[in-house]
């Protein structure tokens, strides 16, 4: 091209070459291209570090992106599965799973086992004594309740949002989770009550009722647990092994492997969606006032 034919390199005057000991005559005629100012070239260590970072950072970003995408995909899969196989609940979004071996030997020590003490009672209370939550109106419909049947249900106070008051069964047992734990705890308390193991300091306030009412409440707890256990029907195998006795006898290995829901995550969801001003103190409410 004509424009390039006219371009010519000129020799730099000798005094400019001699003024810079790092510059040769050849450099003056054919200048070297560099990203760095003359006399400020980086060390080999700096160059090596830069190359390593250029390799590591994109790789780490890619790996994190893959991990995040996998976690997100797993979460989506869990929600899709729950929609197919489980009853509807707004708390389904908090459900995640982990695998573990139960620590459930026949004489297994636990903070939840043993005669009643203030510490043991508090440990159980922390499991189930959780506030009720707001159940959105659309969730009520998804729970197979008709609009005509909603009038008896208590609504959330206006200053705390909209929807209806409810609880999670896991917390009421211990609400099914709460509901299950509550029922289980009540049965535990009743067994120690009939053995006269409670003191005035440790006796639960709800046990200051006639014995017939206590028995009726306990029977309801047992029936609730039966319904839930049969509904969920855990089919995890419990293996049979030979004991260490002489002679050995068959015994069940209750330390079975399970895939469990993350209970702490469900409790955190419950606390985040708690309704605390609907006409009673936060925490447990007597869901069975009739005796």
C-alpha atoms as a PDB file:
ATOM      1  CA  UNK A   1       0.000   0.000   0.000  1.00  0.00           C
ATOM      2  CA  UNK A   2       1.276   3.475  -0.879  1.00  0.00           C
ATOM      3  CA  UNK A   3       0.909   4.832   2.626  1.00  0.00           C
ATOM      4  CA  UNK A   4       3.261   2.176   3.974  1.00  0.00           C
ATOM      5  CA  UNK A   5       5.795   2.552   1.161  1.00  0.00           C
ATOM      6  CA  UNK A   6       6.400   6.149   2.185  1.00  0.00           C
ATOM      7  CA  UNK A   7       7.099   5.253   5.833  1.00  0.00           C
ATOM      8  CA  UNK A   8      10.774   5.124   6.723  1.00  0.00           C
ATOM      9  CA  UNK A   9      12.624   4.573   9.968  1.00  0.00           C
ATOM     10  CA  UNK A  10      15.117   7.228  10.988  1.00  0.00           C
ATOM     11  CA  UNK A  11      18.216   6.547  13.025  1.00  0.00           C
ATOM     12  CA  UNK A  12      18.057   8.129  16.443  1.00  0.00           C
ATOM     13  CA  UNK A  13      20.928  10.532  17.049  1.00  0.00           C
ATOM     14  CA  UNK A  14      23.886   8.906  18.740  1.00  0.00           C
ATOM     15  CA  UNK A  15      23.665  11.150  21.778  1.00  0.00           C
ATOM     16  CA  UNK A  16      20.149   9.765  22.539  1.00  0.00           C
ATOM     17  CA  UNK A  17      21.413   6.200  22.221  1.00  0.00           C
ATOM     18  CA  UNK A  18      24.364   6.807  24.503  1.00  0.00           C
ATOM     19  CA  UNK A  19      22.154   8.582  27.024  1.00  0.00           C
ATOM     20  CA  UNK A  20      20.289   5.316  27.692  1.00  0.00           C
ATOM     21  CA  UNK A  21      22.607   2.365  28.376  1.00  0.00           C
ATOM     22  CA  UNK A  22      19.698  -0.096  27.965  1.00  0.00           C
ATOM     23  CA  UNK A  23      19.056   1.099  24.412  1.00  0.00           C
ATOM     24  CA  UNK A  24      21.158  -0.301  21.562  1.00  0.00           C
ATOM     25  CA  UNK A  25      21.522   1.137  18.130  1.00  0.00           C
ATOM     26  CA  UNK A  26      19.360  -1.642  16.804  1.00  0.00           C
ATOM     27  CA  UNK A  27      16.660  -0.626  19.286  1.00  0.00           C
ATOM     28  CA  UNK A  28      16.823   2.894  18.017  1.00  0.00           C
ATOM     29  CA  UNK A  29      16.237   1.809  14.421  1.00  0.00           C
ATOM     30  CA  UNK A  30      13.612  -0.842  15.253  1.00  0.00           C
ATOM     31  CA  UNK A  31      11.909   0.169  18.498  1.00  0.00           C
ATOM     32  CA  UNK A  32      10.704  -2.754  20.682  1.00  0.00           C
ATOM     33  CA  UNK A  33       7.037  -2.867  21.496  1.00  0.00           C
ATOM     34  CA  UNK A  34       6.315  -3.251  25.233  1.00  0.00           C
ATOM     35  CA  UNK A  35       3.406  -2.848  27.661  1.00  0.00           C
ATOM     36  CA  UNK A  36       5.719  -1.375  30.253  1.00  0.00           C
ATOM     37  CA  UNK A  37       7.722   1.879  30.297  1.00  0.00           C
ATOM     38  CA  UNK A  38      11.407   1.522  29.482  1.00  0.00           C
ATOM     39  CA  UNK A  39      13.348   0.727  32.637  1.00  0.00           C
ATOM     40  CA  UNK A  40      10.231  -0.523  34.481  1.00  0.00           C
ATOM     41  CA  UNK A  41       9.894  -4.084  33.254  1.00  0.00           C
ATOM     42  CA  UNK A  42       8.306  -6.459  35.835  1.00  0.00           C
ATOM     43  CA  UNK A  43      10.326  -9.171  37.510  1.00  0.00           C
ATOM     44  CA  UNK A  44      10.010 -12.785  36.485  1.00  0.00           C
ATOM     45  CA  UNK A  45       8.122 -13.484  39.727  1.00  0.00           C
ATOM     46  CA  UNK A  46       5.546 -10.803  38.934  1.00  0.00           C
ATOM     47  CA  UNK A  47       5.090 -12.153  35.421  1.00  0.00           C
ATOM     48  CA  UNK A  48       4.712 -15.718  36.732  1.00  0.00           C
ATOM     49  CA  UNK A  49       2.202 -14.589  39.354  1.00  0.00           C
ATOM     50  CA  UNK A  50       0.168 -12.786  36.727  1.00  0.00           C
ATOM     51  CA  UNK A  51       0.095 -15.855  34.488  1.00  0.00           C
ATOM     52  CA  UNK A  52      -0.977 -18.065  37.412  1.00  0.00           C
ATOM     53  CA  UNK A  53      -3.791 -15.665  38.320  1.00  0.00           C
ATOM     54  CA  UNK A  54      -4.938 -15.544  34.717  1.00  0.00           C
ATOM     55  CA  UNK A  55      -5.272 -19.328  34.838  1.00  0.00           C
ATOM     56  CA  UNK A  56      -6.675 -19.757  38.362  1.00  0.00           C
ATOM     57  CA  UNK A  57      -9.305 -16.998  38.456  1.00  0.00           C
ATOM     58  CA  UNK A  58     -11.251 -18.100  35.353  1.00  0.00           C
ATOM     59  CA  UNK A  59     -11.014 -21.733  36.472  1.00  0.00           C
ATOM     60  CA  UNK A  60     -12.265 -20.909  39.968  1.00  0.00           C
ATOM     61  CA  UNK A  61     -15.087 -18.787  38.562  1.00  0.00           C
ATOM     62  CA  UNK A  62     -16.114 -21.609  36.246  1.00  0.00           C
ATOM     63  CA  UNK A  63     -16.033 -24.157  39.084  1.00  0.00           C
ATOM     64  CA  UNK A  64     -18.115 -21.917  41.349  1.00  0.00           C
ATOM     65  CA  UNK A  65     -20.603 -21.351  38.552  1.00  0.00           C
ATOM     66  CA  UNK A  66     -20.951 -25.102  38.031  1.00  0.00           C
ATOM     67  CA  UNK A  67     -21.390 -25.692  41.781  1.00  0.00           C
ATOM     68  CA  UNK A  68     -24.012 -22.951  42.086  1.00  0.00           C
ATOM     69  CA  UNK A  69     -25.888 -24.213  39.036  1.00  0.00           C
ATOM     70  CA  UNK A  70     -25.885 -27.738  40.455  1.00  0.00           C
ATOM     71  CA  UNK A  71     -27.174 -26.557  43.836  1.00  0.00           C
ATOM     72  CA  UNK A  72     -29.872 -24.497  42.154  1.00  0.00           C
ATOM     73  CA  UNK A  73     -30.853 -27.434  39.951  1.00  0.00           C
ATOM     74  CA  UNK A  74     -31.049 -29.709  43.009  1.00  0.00           C
ATOM     75  CA  UNK A  75     -33.268 -27.179  44.788  1.00  0.00           C
ATOM     76  CA  UNK A  76     -35.565 -26.977  41.768  1.00  0.00           C
ATOM     77  CA  UNK A  77     -35.704 -30.777  41.565  1.00  0.00           C
ATOM     78  CA  UNK A  78     -36.605 -31.032  45.259  1.00  0.00           C
ATOM     79  CA  UNK A  79     -39.435 -28.520  44.885  1.00  0.00           C
ATOM     80  CA  UNK A  80     -40.740 -30.312  41.795  1.00  0.00           C
ATOM     81  CA  UNK A  81     -40.679 -33.639  43.625  1.00  0.00           C
ATOM     82  CA  UNK A  82     -42.398 -32.206  46.700  1.00  0.00           C
ATOM     83  CA  UNK A  83     -45.158 -30.825  44.490  1.00  0.00           C
ATOM     84  CA  UNK A  84     -45.775 -34.352  43.201  1.00  0.00           C
ATOM     85  CA  UNK A  85     -45.434 -36.491  46.333  1.00  0.00           C
ATOM     86  CA  UNK A  86     -46.088 -34.264  49.346  1.00  0.00           C
ATOM     87  CA  UNK A  87     -48.961 -32.224  50.707  1.00  0.00           C
ATOM     88  CA  UNK A  88     -48.808 -28.545  49.861  1.00  0.00           C
ATOM     89  CA  UNK A  89     -47.148 -26.225  52.352  1.00  0.00           C
ATOM     90  CA  UNK A  90     -45.629 -22.766  51.953  1.00  0.00           C
ATOM     91  CA  UNK A  91     -42.711 -24.113  54.002  1.00  0.00           C
ATOM     92  CA  UNK A  92     -41.809 -26.583  51.251  1.00  0.00           C
ATOM     93  CA  UNK A  93     -39.437 -23.931  49.937  1.00  0.00           C
ATOM     94  CA  UNK A  94     -37.301 -24.451  53.055  1.00  0.00           C
ATOM     95  CA  UNK A  95     -37.010 -28.219  52.620  1.00  0.00           C
ATOM     96  CA  UNK A  96     -33.547 -29.627  51.992  1.00  0.00           C
ATOM     97  CA  UNK A  97     -32.071 -33.049  52.696  1.00  0.00           C
ATOM     98  CA  UNK A  98     -28.971 -34.620  54.164  1.00  0.00           C
ATOM     99  CA  UNK A  99     -27.899 -38.211  54.810  1.00  0.00           C
ATOM    100  CA  UNK A 100     -26.967 -39.542  58.229  1.00  0.00           C
ATOM    101  CA  UNK A 101     -26.835 -42.629  60.419  1.00  0.00           C
ATOM    102  CA  UNK A 102     -29.203 -42.499  63.383  1.00  0.00           C
ATOM    103  CA  UNK A 103     -27.526 -42.567  66.794  1.00  0.00           C
ATOM    104  CA  UNK A 104     -30.309 -44.696  68.252  1.00  0.00           C
ATOM    105  CA  UNK A 105     -28.920 -47.663  70.135  1.00  0.00           C
ATOM    106  CA  UNK A 106     -31.267 -49.109  72.762  1.00  0.00           C
ATOM    107  CA  UNK A 107     -29.393 -47.387  75.607  1.00  0.00           C
ATOM    108  CA  UNK A 108     -28.185 -44.394  73.539  1.00  0.00           C
ATOM    109  CA  UNK A 109     -27.462 -41.295  75.617  1.00  0.00           C
ATOM    110  CA  UNK A 110     -29.227 -38.133  74.471  1.00  0.00           C
ATOM    111  CA  UNK A 111     -29.993 -34.681  75.793  1.00  0.00           C
ATOM    112  CA  UNK A 112     -33.669 -35.586  75.286  1.00  0.00           C
ATOM    113  CA  UNK A 113     -33.691 -38.793  77.365  1.00  0.00           C
ATOM    114  CA  UNK A 114     -33.879 -39.355  81.092  1.00  0.00           C
ATOM    115  CA  UNK A 115     -35.847 -38.216  84.143  1.00  0.00           C
ATOM    116  CA  UNK A 116     -37.215 -34.666  84.033  1.00  0.00           C
ATOM    117  CA  UNK A 117     -34.824 -31.856  84.898  1.00  0.00           C
ATOM    118  CA  UNK A 118     -34.999 -28.160  84.123  1.00  0.00           C
ATOM    119  CA  UNK A 119     -32.306 -28.593  81.459  1.00  0.00           C
ATOM    120  CA  UNK A 120     -34.033 -31.553  79.799  1.00  0.00           C
ATOM    121  CA  UNK A 121     -37.429 -29.831  79.783  1.00  0.00           C
ATOM    122  CA  UNK A 122     -35.854 -26.742  78.220  1.00  0.00           C
ATOM    123  CA  UNK A 123     -34.195 -28.857  75.526  1.00  0.00           C
ATOM    124  CA  UNK A 124     -37.576 -30.297  74.541  1.00  0.00           C
ATOM    125  CA  UNK A 125     -39.270 -26.904  74.657  1.00  0.00           C
ATOM    126  CA  UNK A 126     -36.700 -25.495  72.250  1.00  0.00           C
ATOM    127  CA  UNK A 127     -37.642 -28.216  69.752  1.00  0.00           C
ATOM    128  CA  UNK A 128     -41.345 -27.557  69.476  1.00  0.00           C
ATOM    129  CA  UNK A 129     -42.208 -24.262  71.183  1.00  0.00           C
ATOM    130  CA  UNK A 130     -42.318 -22.156  68.025  1.00  0.00           C
ATOM    131  CA  UNK A 131     -44.715 -19.361  67.002  1.00  0.00           C
ATOM    132  CA  UNK A 132     -47.518 -19.789  64.506  1.00  0.00           C
ATOM    133  CA  UNK A 133     -46.967 -18.538  60.959  1.00  0.00           C
ATOM    134  CA  UNK A 134     -48.888 -16.737  58.223  1.00  0.00           C
ATOM    135  CA  UNK A 135     -50.377 -19.120  55.650  1.00  0.00           C
ATOM    136  CA  UNK A 136     -51.143 -17.268  52.375  1.00  0.00           C
ATOM    137  CA  UNK A 137     -54.714 -17.468  51.114  1.00  0.00           C
ATOM    138  CA  UNK A 138     -53.607 -19.173  47.896  1.00  0.00           C
ATOM    139  CA  UNK A 139     -51.891 -21.872  49.960  1.00  0.00           C
ATOM    140  CA  UNK A 140     -55.154 -22.537  51.779  1.00  0.00           C
ATOM    141  CA  UNK A 141     -56.783 -23.346  48.443  1.00  0.00           C
ATOM    142  CA  UNK A 142     -53.825 -25.555  47.479  1.00  0.00           C
ATOM    143  CA  UNK A 143     -54.351 -27.365  50.794  1.00  0.00           C
ATOM    144  CA  UNK A 144     -57.729 -28.483  49.409  1.00  0.00           C
ATOM    145  CA  UNK A 145     -59.769 -26.063  51.496  1.00  0.00           C
ATOM    146  CA  UNK A 146     -62.700 -24.478  49.700  1.00  0.00           C
ATOM    147  CA  UNK A 147     -63.366 -20.748  49.873  1.00  0.00           C
ATOM    148  CA  UNK A 148     -66.679 -21.490  51.593  1.00  0.00           C
ATOM    149  CA  UNK A 149     -64.828 -23.237  54.430  1.00  0.00           C
ATOM    150  CA  UNK A 150     -62.435 -20.379  55.273  1.00  0.00           C
ATOM    151  CA  UNK A 151     -64.722 -18.335  57.537  1.00  0.00           C
ATOM    152  CA  UNK A 152     -63.811 -20.143  60.814  1.00  0.00           C
ATOM    153  CA  UNK A 153     -60.073 -19.705  60.278  1.00  0.00           C
ATOM    154  CA  UNK A 154     -58.253 -16.907  62.099  1.00  0.00           C
ATOM    155  CA  UNK A 155     -56.772 -14.259  59.825  1.00  0.00           C
ATOM    156  CA  UNK A 156     -53.396 -12.587  60.252  1.00  0.00           C
ATOM    157  CA  UNK A 157     -53.576  -9.154  61.946  1.00  0.00           C
ATOM    158  CA  UNK A 158     -53.412  -6.367  59.384  1.00  0.00           C
ATOM    159  CA  UNK A 159     -50.178  -4.928  60.774  1.00  0.00           C
ATOM    160  CA  UNK A 160     -48.421  -8.270  60.201  1.00  0.00           C
ATOM    161  CA  UNK A 161     -49.564  -8.969  56.663  1.00  0.00           C
ATOM    162  CA  UNK A 162     -52.289 -11.100  55.127  1.00  0.00           C
ATOM    163  CA  UNK A 163     -53.362 -14.722  55.135  1.00  0.00           C
ATOM    164  CA  UNK A 164     -54.387 -17.098  57.884  1.00  0.00           C
ATOM    165  CA  UNK A 165     -52.864 -18.298  61.160  1.00  0.00           C
ATOM    166  CA  UNK A 166     -51.376 -21.784  61.071  1.00  0.00           C
ATOM    167  CA  UNK A 167     -48.538 -23.932  62.279  1.00  0.00           C
ATOM    168  CA  UNK A 168     -46.229 -26.558  60.827  1.00  0.00           C
ATOM    169  CA  UNK A 169     -47.194 -30.075  61.855  1.00  0.00           C
ATOM    170  CA  UNK A 170     -43.638 -31.000  62.696  1.00  0.00           C
ATOM    171  CA  UNK A 171     -43.769 -28.442  65.498  1.00  0.00           C
ATOM    172  CA  UNK A 172     -47.265 -29.184  66.704  1.00  0.00           C
ATOM    173  CA  UNK A 173     -46.432 -32.979  66.665  1.00  0.00           C
ATOM    174  CA  UNK A 174     -43.267 -31.443  66.735  1.00  0.00           C
ATOM    175  CA  UNK A 175     -47.077 -28.400  63.405  1.00  0.00           C
ATOM    176  CA  UNK A 176     -46.850 -31.800  61.538  1.00  0.00           C
ATOM    177  CA  UNK A 177     -43.276 -31.416  62.571  1.00  0.00           C
ATOM    178  CA  UNK A 178     -44.197 -29.039  65.391  1.00  0.00           C
ATOM    179  CA  UNK A 179     -47.362 -31.040  66.038  1.00  0.00           C
ATOM    180  CA  UNK A 180     -45.437 -34.303  66.163  1.00  0.00           C
ATOM    181  CA  UNK A 181     -42.814 -32.966  68.570  1.00  0.00           C
ATOM    182  CA  UNK A 182     -45.458 -31.444  70.821  1.00  0.00           C
ATOM    183  CA  UNK A 183     -47.323 -34.755  70.993  1.00  0.00           C
ATOM    184  CA  UNK A 184     -44.161 -36.745  71.519  1.00  0.00           C
ATOM    185  CA  UNK A 185     -43.062 -34.403  74.273  1.00  0.00           C
ATOM    186  CA  UNK A 186     -46.458 -34.632  75.982  1.00  0.00           C
ATOM    187  CA  UNK A 187     -46.304 -38.440  75.994  1.00  0.00           C
ATOM    188  CA  UNK A 188     -42.775 -38.282  77.423  1.00  0.00           C
ATOM    189  CA  UNK A 189     -43.949 -35.946  80.166  1.00  0.00           C
ATOM    190  CA  UNK A 190     -46.961 -38.133  80.968  1.00  0.00           C
ATOM    191  CA  UNK A 191     -44.828 -41.254  81.434  1.00  0.00           C
ATOM    192  CA  UNK A 192     -42.660 -39.458  83.987  1.00  0.00           C
ATOM    193  CA  UNK A 193     -45.726 -37.865  85.605  1.00  0.00           C
ATOM    194  CA  UNK A 194     -47.360 -41.229  86.333  1.00  0.00           C
ATOM    195  CA  UNK A 195     -44.036 -42.371  87.838  1.00  0.00           C
ATOM    196  CA  UNK A 196     -44.176 -39.326  90.143  1.00  0.00           C
ATOM    197  CA  UNK A 197     -40.803 -38.061  88.918  1.00  0.00           C
ATOM    198  CA  UNK A 198     -41.753 -34.403  88.552  1.00  0.00           C
ATOM    199  CA  UNK A 199     -41.093 -31.861  91.280  1.00  0.00           C
ATOM    200  CA  UNK A 200     -43.029 -28.656  91.839  1.00  0.00           C
ATOM    201  CA  UNK A 201     -40.225 -26.890  89.985  1.00  0.00           C
ATOM    202  CA  UNK A 202     -40.224 -29.113  86.899  1.00  0.00           C
ATOM    203  CA  UNK A 203     -43.933 -30.034  86.587  1.00  0.00           C
ATOM    204  CA  UNK A 204     -45.368 -28.560  83.348  1.00  0.00           C
ATOM    205  CA  UNK A 205     -48.158 -26.052  83.984  1.00  0.00           C
ATOM    206  CA  UNK A 206     -50.514 -27.864  81.589  1.00  0.00           C
ATOM    207  CA  UNK A 207     -50.420 -30.920  83.881  1.00  0.00           C
ATOM    208  CA  UNK A 208     -52.340 -29.097  86.620  1.00  0.00           C
ATOM    209  CA  UNK A 209     -55.615 -30.591  85.385  1.00  0.00           C
ATOM    210  CA  UNK A 210     -57.625 -33.680  86.380  1.00  0.00           C
ATOM    211  CA  UNK A 211     -55.974 -37.022  85.644  1.00  0.00           C
ATOM    212  CA  UNK A 212     -58.837 -38.016  83.312  1.00  0.00           C
ATOM    213  CA  UNK A 213     -58.144 -34.956  81.157  1.00  0.00           C
ATOM    214  CA  UNK A 214     -54.425 -35.779  81.132  1.00  0.00           C
ATOM    215  CA  UNK A 215     -55.184 -39.316  79.989  1.00  0.00           C
ATOM    216  CA  UNK A 216     -57.477 -38.031  77.206  1.00  0.00           C
ATOM    217  CA  UNK A 217     -54.837 -35.572  76.001  1.00  0.00           C
ATOM    218  CA  UNK A 218     -52.183 -38.299  76.031  1.00  0.00           C
ATOM    219  CA  UNK A 219     -54.416 -40.655  74.048  1.00  0.00           C
ATOM    220  CA  UNK A 220     -54.939 -37.933  71.457  1.00  0.00           C
ATOM    221  CA  UNK A 221     -51.162 -37.477  71.179  1.00  0.00           C
ATOM    222  CA  UNK A 222     -50.667 -41.214  70.680  1.00  0.00           C
ATOM    223  CA  UNK A 223     -53.385 -41.326  68.020  1.00  0.00           C
ATOM    224  CA  UNK A 224     -51.859 -38.339  66.216  1.00  0.00           C
ATOM    225  CA  UNK A 225     -48.468 -40.033  66.135  1.00  0.00           C
ATOM    226  CA  UNK A 226     -50.058 -43.227  64.810  1.00  0.00           C
ATOM    227  CA  UNK A 227     -51.738 -41.331  61.972  1.00  0.00           C
ATOM    228  CA  UNK A 228     -48.545 -39.510  61.012  1.00  0.00           C
ATOM    229  CA  UNK A 229     -46.316 -42.585  61.199  1.00  0.00           C
ATOM    230  CA  UNK A 230     -48.717 -44.624  59.071  1.00  0.00           C
ATOM    231  CA  UNK A 231     -49.118 -41.725  56.622  1.00  0.00           C
ATOM    232  CA  UNK A 232     -45.378 -41.273  56.170  1.00  0.00           C
ATOM    233  CA  UNK A 233     -44.606 -45.018  56.345  1.00  0.00           C
ATOM    234  CA  UNK A 234     -40.811 -44.869  56.448  1.00  0.00           C
ATOM    235  CA  UNK A 235     -39.593 -48.028  54.683  1.00  0.00           C
ATOM    236  CA  UNK A 236     -35.912 -47.691  55.642  1.00  0.00           C
ATOM    237  CA  UNK A 237     -34.676 -51.201  56.543  1.00  0.00           C
ATOM    238  CA  UNK A 238     -33.756 -51.843  60.176  1.00  0.00           C
ATOM    239  CA  UNK A 239     -31.205 -54.651  60.053  1.00  0.00           C
ATOM    240  CA  UNK A 240     -30.999 -57.538  62.516  1.00  0.00           C
ATOM    241  CA  UNK A 241     -27.614 -58.541  63.920  1.00  0.00           C
ATOM    242  CA  UNK A 242     -26.157 -60.886  66.515  1.00  0.00           C
ATOM    243  CA  UNK A 243     -25.615 -59.291  69.900  1.00  0.00           C
ATOM    244  CA  UNK A 244     -22.376 -59.364  71.890  1.00  0.00           C
ATOM    245  CA  UNK A 245     -24.021 -61.559  74.527  1.00  0.00           C
ATOM    246  CA  UNK A 246     -22.957 -65.112  75.276  1.00  0.00           C
ATOM    247  CA  UNK A 247     -24.630 -66.871  73.650  1.00  0.00           C
ATOM    248  CA  UNK A 248     -25.455 -64.173  71.068  1.00  0.00           C
ATOM    249  CA  UNK A 249     -29.083 -63.335  70.415  1.00  0.00           C
ATOM    250  CA  UNK A 250     -30.692 -61.488  67.476  1.00  0.00           C
ATOM    251  CA  UNK A 251     -31.153 -57.757  68.007  1.00  0.00           C
ATOM    252  CA  UNK A 252     -32.235 -54.842  65.847  1.00  0.00           C
ATOM    253  CA  UNK A 253     -29.663 -52.324  64.631  1.00  0.00           C
ATOM    254  CA  UNK A 254     -31.521 -49.049  65.142  1.00  0.00           C
ATOM    255  CA  UNK A 255     -28.548 -46.995  63.878  1.00  0.00           C
ATOM    256  CA  UNK A 256     -29.988 -47.118  60.373  1.00  0.00           C
ATOM    257  CA  UNK A 257     -29.018 -44.835  57.506  1.00  0.00           C
ATOM    258  CA  UNK A 258     -31.572 -42.160  56.624  1.00  0.00           C
ATOM    259  CA  UNK A 259     -32.058 -39.259  54.283  1.00  0.00           C
ATOM    260  CA  UNK A 260     -33.440 -36.562  56.567  1.00  0.00           C
ATOM    261  CA  UNK A 261     -34.965 -33.159  56.133  1.00  0.00           C
ATOM    262  CA  UNK A 262     -32.933 -30.307  57.578  1.00  0.00           C
ATOM    263  CA  UNK A 263     -34.909 -29.543  60.735  1.00  0.00           C
ATOM    264  CA  UNK A 264     -32.930 -26.387  61.559  1.00  0.00           C
ATOM    265  CA  UNK A 265     -33.759 -24.919  58.134  1.00  0.00           C
ATOM    266  CA  UNK A 266     -37.468 -25.529  58.748  1.00  0.00           C
ATOM    267  CA  UNK A 267     -37.267 -23.881  62.184  1.00  0.00           C
ATOM    268  CA  UNK A 268     -35.507 -20.888  60.608  1.00  0.00           C
ATOM    269  CA  UNK A 269     -38.284 -20.607  57.996  1.00  0.00           C
ATOM    270  CA  UNK A 270     -40.907 -20.777  60.744  1.00  0.00           C
ATOM    271  CA  UNK A 271     -39.256 -17.976  62.715  1.00  0.00           C
ATOM    272  CA  UNK A 272     -38.927 -15.821  59.598  1.00  0.00           C
ATOM    273  CA  UNK A 273     -42.672 -16.153  58.877  1.00  0.00           C
ATOM    274  CA  UNK A 274     -43.890 -15.968  62.481  1.00  0.00           C
ATOM    275  CA  UNK A 275     -47.063 -14.109  63.442  1.00  0.00           C
ATOM    276  CA  UNK A 276     -46.663 -12.804  66.983  1.00  0.00           C
ATOM    277  CA  UNK A 277     -49.649 -10.566  67.676  1.00  0.00           C
ATOM    278  CA  UNK A 278     -52.773 -12.536  66.877  1.00  0.00           C
ATOM    279  CA  UNK A 279     -54.263 -12.533  70.354  1.00  0.00           C
ATOM    280  CA  UNK A 280     -51.822 -14.609  72.364  1.00  0.00           C
ATOM    281  CA  UNK A 281     -48.179 -14.622  73.461  1.00  0.00           C
ATOM    282  CA  UNK A 282     -45.485 -15.785  71.027  1.00  0.00           C
ATOM    283  CA  UNK A 283     -44.697 -19.438  71.104  1.00  0.00           C
ATOM    284  CA  UNK A 284     -46.903 -22.370  72.029  1.00  0.00           C
ATOM    285  CA  UNK A 285     -50.663 -21.988  72.252  1.00  0.00           C
ATOM    286  CA  UNK A 286     -53.091 -24.477  73.696  1.00  0.00           C
ATOM    287  CA  UNK A 287     -54.622 -26.035  70.605  1.00  0.00           C
ATOM    288  CA  UNK A 288     -56.808 -28.284  72.733  1.00  0.00           C
ATOM    289  CA  UNK A 289     -58.531 -26.073  75.326  1.00  0.00           C
ATOM    290  CA  UNK A 290     -61.351 -28.532  75.805  1.00  0.00           C
ATOM    291  CA  UNK A 291     -60.687 -31.297  78.355  1.00  0.00           C
END
